[in-house]
């Protein structure tokens, strides 16, 4: 979906998820062009015959997609597992990503739901032929307990389970510490999937930028706090592009 005009904000959904995850937030993002897409295996996008898509695979594919759209600079905003993808985009293309938004994102270490769900082990199982059918009932129970809708298609749950274990927390933590683009971090205290301690740790280590913290709102803060988050992201994006333009002017003056 391609909405609005102005500086580009790319909205990256989690696993499972789709472009629809930002349907409440997008109208509150003013003065910018919003791009949102279904990642491989979700919504209207096929898995393209691959057993697993890593965070790096998805980031590389998104950069290729943005190339096709002739998008140069942008702010990358990721929800949940979209957070690591947004950071991977910033690491892959530091001159193009002028800002990063991390919404209820995984952090420096595995969160409790990741550990309790034995995600890495489940991920390997879900890559086997027929696994989605065999493990359908426990897979549904696990995602429902984590706060996902019972209406989420089983195919999306299977893809999410297969790919979630591909997140390398050591590499992800290194990116959190190394990405220098201004970073907005948002989380809620009652998130049942990524506990609030993760958000607090991420907030302390990520590059400077706004920190949004609510006592309630659950895992989907882009829905429950759409208006407040939209206003903050709009201001943040404008500031990021202004800073990037100022840097360009400074480099031009030096070169002159």
C-alpha atoms as a PDB file:
ATOM      1  CA  UNK A   1       0.000   0.000   0.000  1.00  0.00           C
ATOM      2  CA  UNK A   2       1.308   3.407  -1.025  1.00  0.00           C
ATOM      3  CA  UNK A   3      -0.385   6.284   0.819  1.00  0.00           C
ATOM      4  CA  UNK A   4       0.218  10.003   1.149  1.00  0.00           C
ATOM      5  CA  UNK A   5       2.994  12.238  -0.097  1.00  0.00           C
ATOM      6  CA  UNK A   6       6.262  13.507   1.296  1.00  0.00           C
ATOM      7  CA  UNK A   7       9.263  11.874   2.990  1.00  0.00           C
ATOM      8  CA  UNK A   8       8.943   8.091   2.967  1.00  0.00           C
ATOM      9  CA  UNK A   9       8.121   5.991   6.025  1.00  0.00           C
ATOM     10  CA  UNK A  10       8.320   2.224   5.462  1.00  0.00           C
ATOM     11  CA  UNK A  11       6.110   0.195   7.823  1.00  0.00           C
ATOM     12  CA  UNK A  12       7.305  -3.374   8.431  1.00  0.00           C
ATOM     13  CA  UNK A  13       4.944  -5.879  10.049  1.00  0.00           C
ATOM     14  CA  UNK A  14       5.899  -8.750  12.339  1.00  0.00           C
ATOM     15  CA  UNK A  15       5.564 -12.533  12.156  1.00  0.00           C
ATOM     16  CA  UNK A  16       2.705 -13.296  11.655  1.00  0.00           C
ATOM     17  CA  UNK A  17       1.253 -10.112  10.249  1.00  0.00           C
ATOM     18  CA  UNK A  18       0.476  -8.136   7.115  1.00  0.00           C
ATOM     19  CA  UNK A  19       0.261  -4.623   5.762  1.00  0.00           C
ATOM     20  CA  UNK A  20      -3.110  -4.390   7.535  1.00  0.00           C
ATOM     21  CA  UNK A  21      -1.346  -4.291  10.906  1.00  0.00           C
ATOM     22  CA  UNK A  22      -0.778  -0.562  10.314  1.00  0.00           C
ATOM     23  CA  UNK A  23      -4.286   0.307   9.125  1.00  0.00           C
ATOM     24  CA  UNK A  24      -5.039   2.291  12.306  1.00  0.00           C
ATOM     25  CA  UNK A  25      -1.634   3.967  12.513  1.00  0.00           C
ATOM     26  CA  UNK A  26      -1.240   5.030   8.895  1.00  0.00           C
ATOM     27  CA  UNK A  27      -3.980   7.731   8.890  1.00  0.00           C
ATOM     28  CA  UNK A  28      -2.239   9.387  11.842  1.00  0.00           C
ATOM     29  CA  UNK A  29       1.094   9.706  10.015  1.00  0.00           C
ATOM     30  CA  UNK A  30       0.911  13.197   8.550  1.00  0.00           C
ATOM     31  CA  UNK A  31       3.179  14.889   6.043  1.00  0.00           C
ATOM     32  CA  UNK A  32       4.769  11.678   4.782  1.00  0.00           C
ATOM     33  CA  UNK A  33       4.400   8.920   2.219  1.00  0.00           C
ATOM     34  CA  UNK A  34       3.587   5.594   3.903  1.00  0.00           C
ATOM     35  CA  UNK A  35       4.669   2.337   2.291  1.00  0.00           C
ATOM     36  CA  UNK A  36       3.506  -0.989   3.715  1.00  0.00           C
ATOM     37  CA  UNK A  37       3.815  -4.440   2.222  1.00  0.00           C
ATOM     38  CA  UNK A  38       3.017  -8.094   2.944  1.00  0.00           C
ATOM     39  CA  UNK A  39       6.321  -9.860   3.639  1.00  0.00           C
ATOM     40  CA  UNK A  40       6.994 -13.267   2.001  1.00  0.00           C
ATOM     41  CA  UNK A  41       4.508 -15.891   3.181  1.00  0.00           C
ATOM     42  CA  UNK A  42       1.979 -13.423   4.603  1.00  0.00           C
ATOM     43  CA  UNK A  43      -1.153 -11.707   3.336  1.00  0.00           C
ATOM     44  CA  UNK A  44      -1.131 -11.678  -0.448  1.00  0.00           C
ATOM     45  CA  UNK A  45       2.557 -12.588  -0.873  1.00  0.00           C
ATOM     46  CA  UNK A  46       3.744 -16.120  -1.606  1.00  0.00           C
ATOM     47  CA  UNK A  47       6.573 -17.867   0.197  1.00  0.00           C
ATOM     48  CA  UNK A  48       8.299 -18.338  -3.157  1.00  0.00           C
ATOM     49  CA  UNK A  49       9.128 -21.971  -2.463  1.00  0.00           C
ATOM     50  CA  UNK A  50      11.631 -21.275   0.323  1.00  0.00           C
ATOM     51  CA  UNK A  51      11.665 -23.202   3.606  1.00  0.00           C
ATOM     52  CA  UNK A  52      12.790 -20.192   5.665  1.00  0.00           C
ATOM     53  CA  UNK A  53      13.297 -16.452   5.282  1.00  0.00           C
ATOM     54  CA  UNK A  54      15.851 -14.930   7.635  1.00  0.00           C
ATOM     55  CA  UNK A  55      15.736 -11.352   8.916  1.00  0.00           C
ATOM     56  CA  UNK A  56      18.549 -10.532   6.501  1.00  0.00           C
ATOM     57  CA  UNK A  57      16.684 -12.157   3.584  1.00  0.00           C
ATOM     58  CA  UNK A  58      13.618 -10.037   4.259  1.00  0.00           C
ATOM     59  CA  UNK A  59      15.636  -6.832   4.620  1.00  0.00           C
ATOM     60  CA  UNK A  60      17.463  -7.472   1.335  1.00  0.00           C
ATOM     61  CA  UNK A  61      14.163  -8.165  -0.441  1.00  0.00           C
ATOM     62  CA  UNK A  62      12.657  -4.946   0.932  1.00  0.00           C
ATOM     63  CA  UNK A  63      15.634  -2.925  -0.291  1.00  0.00           C
ATOM     64  CA  UNK A  64      15.187  -4.430  -3.757  1.00  0.00           C
ATOM     65  CA  UNK A  65      11.470  -3.530  -3.608  1.00  0.00           C
ATOM     66  CA  UNK A  66      12.294   0.054  -2.586  1.00  0.00           C
ATOM     67  CA  UNK A  67      14.773   0.238  -5.472  1.00  0.00           C
ATOM     68  CA  UNK A  68      11.926  -0.691  -7.832  1.00  0.00           C
ATOM     69  CA  UNK A  69       9.898   2.176  -6.369  1.00  0.00           C
ATOM     70  CA  UNK A  70      12.865   4.583  -6.765  1.00  0.00           C
ATOM     71  CA  UNK A  71      12.847   5.267  -3.027  1.00  0.00           C
ATOM     72  CA  UNK A  72      16.183   6.584  -1.855  1.00  0.00           C
ATOM     73  CA  UNK A  73      15.920   7.706   1.765  1.00  0.00           C
ATOM     74  CA  UNK A  74      13.337   6.544   4.269  1.00  0.00           C
ATOM     75  CA  UNK A  75      12.483   5.959   7.896  1.00  0.00           C
ATOM     76  CA  UNK A  76      12.117   2.226   8.669  1.00  0.00           C
ATOM     77  CA  UNK A  77       9.472   1.414  11.280  1.00  0.00           C
ATOM     78  CA  UNK A  78       9.073  -2.188  12.430  1.00  0.00           C
ATOM     79  CA  UNK A  79       6.506  -3.761  14.738  1.00  0.00           C
ATOM     80  CA  UNK A  80       7.418  -6.872  16.740  1.00  0.00           C
ATOM     81  CA  UNK A  81       9.665  -9.042  14.528  1.00  0.00           C
ATOM     82  CA  UNK A  82       9.545  -6.187  12.036  1.00  0.00           C
ATOM     83  CA  UNK A  83      11.863  -4.350  14.446  1.00  0.00           C
ATOM     84  CA  UNK A  84      14.865  -6.570  13.683  1.00  0.00           C
ATOM     85  CA  UNK A  85      14.050  -6.202   9.968  1.00  0.00           C
ATOM     86  CA  UNK A  86      14.035  -2.397  10.307  1.00  0.00           C
ATOM     87  CA  UNK A  87      17.423  -2.532  12.051  1.00  0.00           C
ATOM     88  CA  UNK A  88      18.769  -4.887   9.370  1.00  0.00           C
ATOM     89  CA  UNK A  89      17.661  -2.352   6.745  1.00  0.00           C
ATOM     90  CA  UNK A  90      19.566   0.364   8.608  1.00  0.00           C
ATOM     91  CA  UNK A  91      22.658  -1.838   8.801  1.00  0.00           C
ATOM     92  CA  UNK A  92      22.457  -2.799   5.105  1.00  0.00           C
ATOM     93  CA  UNK A  93      21.818   0.729   3.866  1.00  0.00           C
ATOM     94  CA  UNK A  94      22.990   3.243   6.508  1.00  0.00           C
ATOM     95  CA  UNK A  95      22.997   6.166   4.046  1.00  0.00           C
ATOM     96  CA  UNK A  96      19.401   5.465   3.013  1.00  0.00           C
ATOM     97  CA  UNK A  97      17.769   4.806   6.393  1.00  0.00           C
ATOM     98  CA  UNK A  98      17.557   8.200   8.109  1.00  0.00           C
ATOM     99  CA  UNK A  99      15.635   6.920  11.134  1.00  0.00           C
ATOM    100  CA  UNK A 100      14.375   3.725  12.767  1.00  0.00           C
ATOM    101  CA  UNK A 101      11.183   3.034  14.721  1.00  0.00           C
ATOM    102  CA  UNK A 102      10.999  -0.030  16.968  1.00  0.00           C
ATOM    103  CA  UNK A 103       7.483  -0.885  18.169  1.00  0.00           C
ATOM    104  CA  UNK A 104       7.201  -3.718  20.727  1.00  0.00           C
ATOM    105  CA  UNK A 105      10.387  -5.089  19.207  1.00  0.00           C
ATOM    106  CA  UNK A 106      12.591  -7.966  20.360  1.00  0.00           C
ATOM    107  CA  UNK A 107      15.685  -6.692  22.123  1.00  0.00           C
ATOM    108  CA  UNK A 108      19.158  -7.609  23.268  1.00  0.00           C
ATOM    109  CA  UNK A 109      18.247 -11.095  24.511  1.00  0.00           C
ATOM    110  CA  UNK A 110      15.499 -13.664  23.883  1.00  0.00           C
ATOM    111  CA  UNK A 111      12.218 -12.653  25.518  1.00  0.00           C
ATOM    112  CA  UNK A 112      10.415 -15.129  27.775  1.00  0.00           C
ATOM    113  CA  UNK A 113       7.761 -16.077  25.201  1.00  0.00           C
ATOM    114  CA  UNK A 114      10.587 -16.930  22.791  1.00  0.00           C
ATOM    115  CA  UNK A 115      12.261 -19.144  25.408  1.00  0.00           C
ATOM    116  CA  UNK A 116       9.118 -20.788  26.802  1.00  0.00           C
ATOM    117  CA  UNK A 117       7.814 -21.497  23.320  1.00  0.00           C
ATOM    118  CA  UNK A 118      11.090 -23.194  22.410  1.00  0.00           C
ATOM    119  CA  UNK A 119      10.945 -21.156  19.226  1.00  0.00           C
ATOM    120  CA  UNK A 120      14.218 -22.322  17.684  1.00  0.00           C
ATOM    121  CA  UNK A 121      13.234 -25.990  18.078  1.00  0.00           C
ATOM    122  CA  UNK A 122       9.710 -25.346  16.793  1.00  0.00           C
ATOM    123  CA  UNK A 123      11.123 -23.352  13.894  1.00  0.00           C
ATOM    124  CA  UNK A 124      13.130 -26.339  12.702  1.00  0.00           C
ATOM    125  CA  UNK A 125      10.134 -28.647  13.011  1.00  0.00           C
ATOM    126  CA  UNK A 126       7.870 -26.299  11.063  1.00  0.00           C
ATOM    127  CA  UNK A 127      10.212 -26.365   8.084  1.00  0.00           C
ATOM    128  CA  UNK A 128       9.470 -30.074   7.562  1.00  0.00           C
ATOM    129  CA  UNK A 129       6.832 -31.134   5.007  1.00  0.00           C
ATOM    130  CA  UNK A 130       3.400 -31.597   6.610  1.00  0.00           C
ATOM    131  CA  UNK A 131       4.439 -30.081   9.940  1.00  0.00           C
ATOM    132  CA  UNK A 132       1.771 -27.360   9.851  1.00  0.00           C
ATOM    133  CA  UNK A 133      -0.983 -29.990   9.700  1.00  0.00           C
ATOM    134  CA  UNK A 134       0.553 -32.202  12.394  1.00  0.00           C
ATOM    135  CA  UNK A 135       1.158 -29.376  14.887  1.00  0.00           C
ATOM    136  CA  UNK A 136      -1.876 -27.242  14.016  1.00  0.00           C
ATOM    137  CA  UNK A 137      -3.624 -27.483  17.410  1.00  0.00           C
ATOM    138  CA  UNK A 138      -0.635 -26.673  19.684  1.00  0.00           C
ATOM    139  CA  UNK A 139       0.516 -24.005  17.240  1.00  0.00           C
ATOM    140  CA  UNK A 140      -2.871 -22.295  17.442  1.00  0.00           C
ATOM    141  CA  UNK A 141      -2.929 -22.540  21.253  1.00  0.00           C
ATOM    142  CA  UNK A 142       0.541 -21.060  21.566  1.00  0.00           C
ATOM    143  CA  UNK A 143      -0.117 -18.050  19.343  1.00  0.00           C
ATOM    144  CA  UNK A 144      -3.499 -17.405  20.974  1.00  0.00           C
ATOM    145  CA  UNK A 145      -1.907 -17.484  24.440  1.00  0.00           C
ATOM    146  CA  UNK A 146       0.634 -14.925  23.208  1.00  0.00           C
ATOM    147  CA  UNK A 147      -2.202 -12.568  22.260  1.00  0.00           C
ATOM    148  CA  UNK A 148      -2.625 -13.199  18.535  1.00  0.00           C
ATOM    149  CA  UNK A 149      -6.103 -13.337  17.024  1.00  0.00           C
ATOM    150  CA  UNK A 150      -7.828 -16.693  16.668  1.00  0.00           C
ATOM    151  CA  UNK A 151      -8.682 -15.550  13.148  1.00  0.00           C
ATOM    152  CA  UNK A 152      -5.050 -15.547  12.012  1.00  0.00           C
ATOM    153  CA  UNK A 153      -4.784 -18.061   9.129  1.00  0.00           C
ATOM    154  CA  UNK A 154      -3.031 -21.302  10.043  1.00  0.00           C
ATOM    155  CA  UNK A 155      -0.747 -20.870   7.029  1.00  0.00           C
ATOM    156  CA  UNK A 156       0.486 -17.565   8.467  1.00  0.00           C
ATOM    157  CA  UNK A 157       1.098 -19.146  11.881  1.00  0.00           C
ATOM    158  CA  UNK A 158       3.130 -21.929  10.269  1.00  0.00           C
ATOM    159  CA  UNK A 159       5.278 -19.447   8.329  1.00  0.00           C
ATOM    160  CA  UNK A 160       5.782 -17.315  11.438  1.00  0.00           C
ATOM    161  CA  UNK A 161       6.815 -20.338  13.516  1.00  0.00           C
ATOM    162  CA  UNK A 162       9.244 -21.489  10.831  1.00  0.00           C
ATOM    163  CA  UNK A 163      10.894 -18.092  10.413  1.00  0.00           C
ATOM    164  CA  UNK A 164      10.867 -16.720  13.977  1.00  0.00           C
ATOM    165  CA  UNK A 165      13.623 -19.083  15.042  1.00  0.00           C
ATOM    166  CA  UNK A 166      15.859 -17.625  12.348  1.00  0.00           C
ATOM    167  CA  UNK A 167      16.366 -14.479  14.454  1.00  0.00           C
ATOM    168  CA  UNK A 168      19.980 -14.478  15.636  1.00  0.00           C
ATOM    169  CA  UNK A 169      19.882 -12.513  18.904  1.00  0.00           C
ATOM    170  CA  UNK A 170      23.662 -12.058  18.978  1.00  0.00           C
ATOM    171  CA  UNK A 171      23.602 -10.428  15.557  1.00  0.00           C
ATOM    172  CA  UNK A 172      20.463  -8.474  16.414  1.00  0.00           C
ATOM    173  CA  UNK A 173      22.001  -7.133  19.642  1.00  0.00           C
ATOM    174  CA  UNK A 174      25.097  -6.074  17.713  1.00  0.00           C
ATOM    175  CA  UNK A 175      22.904  -4.108  15.302  1.00  0.00           C
ATOM    176  CA  UNK A 176      21.056  -2.425  18.158  1.00  0.00           C
ATOM    177  CA  UNK A 177      24.397  -1.174  19.457  1.00  0.00           C
ATOM    178  CA  UNK A 178      25.915  -0.273  16.070  1.00  0.00           C
ATOM    179  CA  UNK A 179      23.091   1.423  14.141  1.00  0.00           C
ATOM    180  CA  UNK A 180      23.537   5.169  14.584  1.00  0.00           C
ATOM    181  CA  UNK A 181      20.372   6.407  12.862  1.00  0.00           C
ATOM    182  CA  UNK A 182      18.014   8.183  15.309  1.00  0.00           C
ATOM    183  CA  UNK A 183      15.774   5.538  16.858  1.00  0.00           C
ATOM    184  CA  UNK A 184      12.276   5.749  18.308  1.00  0.00           C
ATOM    185  CA  UNK A 185      11.404   2.967  20.769  1.00  0.00           C
ATOM    186  CA  UNK A 186       7.829   2.254  21.908  1.00  0.00           C
ATOM    187  CA  UNK A 187       6.455  -0.450  24.192  1.00  0.00           C
ATOM    188  CA  UNK A 188       3.711  -1.204  26.738  1.00  0.00           C
ATOM    189  CA  UNK A 189       3.985  -2.650  30.233  1.00  0.00           C
ATOM    190  CA  UNK A 190       1.265  -5.259  29.660  1.00  0.00           C
ATOM    191  CA  UNK A 191       2.770  -6.778  26.498  1.00  0.00           C
ATOM    192  CA  UNK A 192       2.211 -10.545  26.799  1.00  0.00           C
ATOM    193  CA  UNK A 193       4.678 -11.419  24.057  1.00  0.00           C
ATOM    194  CA  UNK A 194       7.709  -9.187  24.639  1.00  0.00           C
ATOM    195  CA  UNK A 195       7.944  -8.385  28.356  1.00  0.00           C
ATOM    196  CA  UNK A 196       8.499  -4.726  29.352  1.00  0.00           C
ATOM    197  CA  UNK A 197      12.027  -5.331  30.640  1.00  0.00           C
ATOM    198  CA  UNK A 198      13.053  -5.988  27.031  1.00  0.00           C
ATOM    199  CA  UNK A 199      11.666  -2.632  25.922  1.00  0.00           C
ATOM    200  CA  UNK A 200      13.432  -0.847  28.764  1.00  0.00           C
ATOM    201  CA  UNK A 201      16.770  -2.489  27.916  1.00  0.00           C
ATOM    202  CA  UNK A 202      16.341  -1.720  24.232  1.00  0.00           C
ATOM    203  CA  UNK A 203      15.472   1.886  25.063  1.00  0.00           C
ATOM    204  CA  UNK A 204      18.675   2.277  27.084  1.00  0.00           C
ATOM    205  CA  UNK A 205      21.001   0.942  24.377  1.00  0.00           C
ATOM    206  CA  UNK A 206      19.489   1.982  21.019  1.00  0.00           C
ATOM    207  CA  UNK A 207      20.532   5.207  19.311  1.00  0.00           C
ATOM    208  CA  UNK A 208      19.071   8.430  20.681  1.00  0.00           C
ATOM    209  CA  UNK A 209      15.479   9.274  19.849  1.00  0.00           C
ATOM    210  CA  UNK A 210      11.971   9.418  21.321  1.00  0.00           C
ATOM    211  CA  UNK A 211      10.975   6.816  23.923  1.00  0.00           C
ATOM    212  CA  UNK A 212       7.259   6.047  24.233  1.00  0.00           C
ATOM    213  CA  UNK A 213       6.153   3.911  27.149  1.00  0.00           C
ATOM    214  CA  UNK A 214       2.567   3.133  28.155  1.00  0.00           C
ATOM    215  CA  UNK A 215       1.219   1.184  31.161  1.00  0.00           C
ATOM    216  CA  UNK A 216      -1.304  -0.571  28.909  1.00  0.00           C
ATOM    217  CA  UNK A 217      -1.679  -1.260  25.209  1.00  0.00           C
ATOM    218  CA  UNK A 218      -0.432  -4.817  24.828  1.00  0.00           C
ATOM    219  CA  UNK A 219       1.804  -5.997  22.033  1.00  0.00           C
ATOM    220  CA  UNK A 220       0.054  -4.084  19.249  1.00  0.00           C
ATOM    221  CA  UNK A 221       0.812  -0.525  20.311  1.00  0.00           C
ATOM    222  CA  UNK A 222       0.499   0.580  16.678  1.00  0.00           C
ATOM    223  CA  UNK A 223      -3.225  -0.159  17.077  1.00  0.00           C
ATOM    224  CA  UNK A 224      -3.968   0.636  20.725  1.00  0.00           C
ATOM    225  CA  UNK A 225      -2.017   3.924  20.699  1.00  0.00           C
ATOM    226  CA  UNK A 226      -2.382   4.777  17.018  1.00  0.00           C
ATOM    227  CA  UNK A 227      -3.068   8.510  17.462  1.00  0.00           C
ATOM    228  CA  UNK A 228      -0.289   9.218  19.973  1.00  0.00           C
ATOM    229  CA  UNK A 229       2.199   7.007  18.167  1.00  0.00           C
ATOM    230  CA  UNK A 230       1.268   8.521  14.803  1.00  0.00           C
ATOM    231  CA  UNK A 231       1.861  12.051  16.076  1.00  0.00           C
ATOM    232  CA  UNK A 232       5.215  11.052  17.572  1.00  0.00           C
ATOM    233  CA  UNK A 233       6.328   9.198  14.435  1.00  0.00           C
ATOM    234  CA  UNK A 234       5.286  12.098  12.198  1.00  0.00           C
ATOM    235  CA  UNK A 235       7.386  14.556  14.191  1.00  0.00           C
ATOM    236  CA  UNK A 236      10.251  12.057  14.466  1.00  0.00           C
ATOM    237  CA  UNK A 237      10.291  11.378  10.707  1.00  0.00           C
ATOM    238  CA  UNK A 238      10.284  15.092   9.867  1.00  0.00           C
ATOM    239  CA  UNK A 239      13.200  15.637  12.251  1.00  0.00           C
ATOM    240  CA  UNK A 240      15.149  12.698  10.770  1.00  0.00           C
ATOM    241  CA  UNK A 241      14.815  13.999   7.220  1.00  0.00           C
ATOM    242  CA  UNK A 242      15.696  17.525   8.334  1.00  0.00           C
ATOM    243  CA  UNK A 243      18.833  16.197  10.020  1.00  0.00           C
ATOM    244  CA  UNK A 244      19.768  14.208   6.901  1.00  0.00           C
ATOM    245  CA  UNK A 245      19.297  17.325   4.738  1.00  0.00           C
ATOM    246  CA  UNK A 246      21.445  19.366   7.117  1.00  0.00           C
ATOM    247  CA  UNK A 247      24.173  16.729   6.891  1.00  0.00           C
ATOM    248  CA  UNK A 248      24.005  16.913   3.098  1.00  0.00           C
ATOM    249  CA  UNK A 249      24.349  20.701   3.227  1.00  0.00           C
ATOM    250  CA  UNK A 250      27.336  20.413   5.538  1.00  0.00           C
ATOM    251  CA  UNK A 251      29.048  17.910   3.259  1.00  0.00           C
ATOM    252  CA  UNK A 252      28.341  20.127   0.253  1.00  0.00           C
ATOM    253  CA  UNK A 253      29.871  23.150   2.022  1.00  0.00           C
ATOM    254  CA  UNK A 254      32.954  21.132   2.940  1.00  0.00           C
ATOM    255  CA  UNK A 255      33.380  19.805  -0.577  1.00  0.00           C
ATOM    256  CA  UNK A 256      32.992  23.345  -1.964  1.00  0.00           C
END
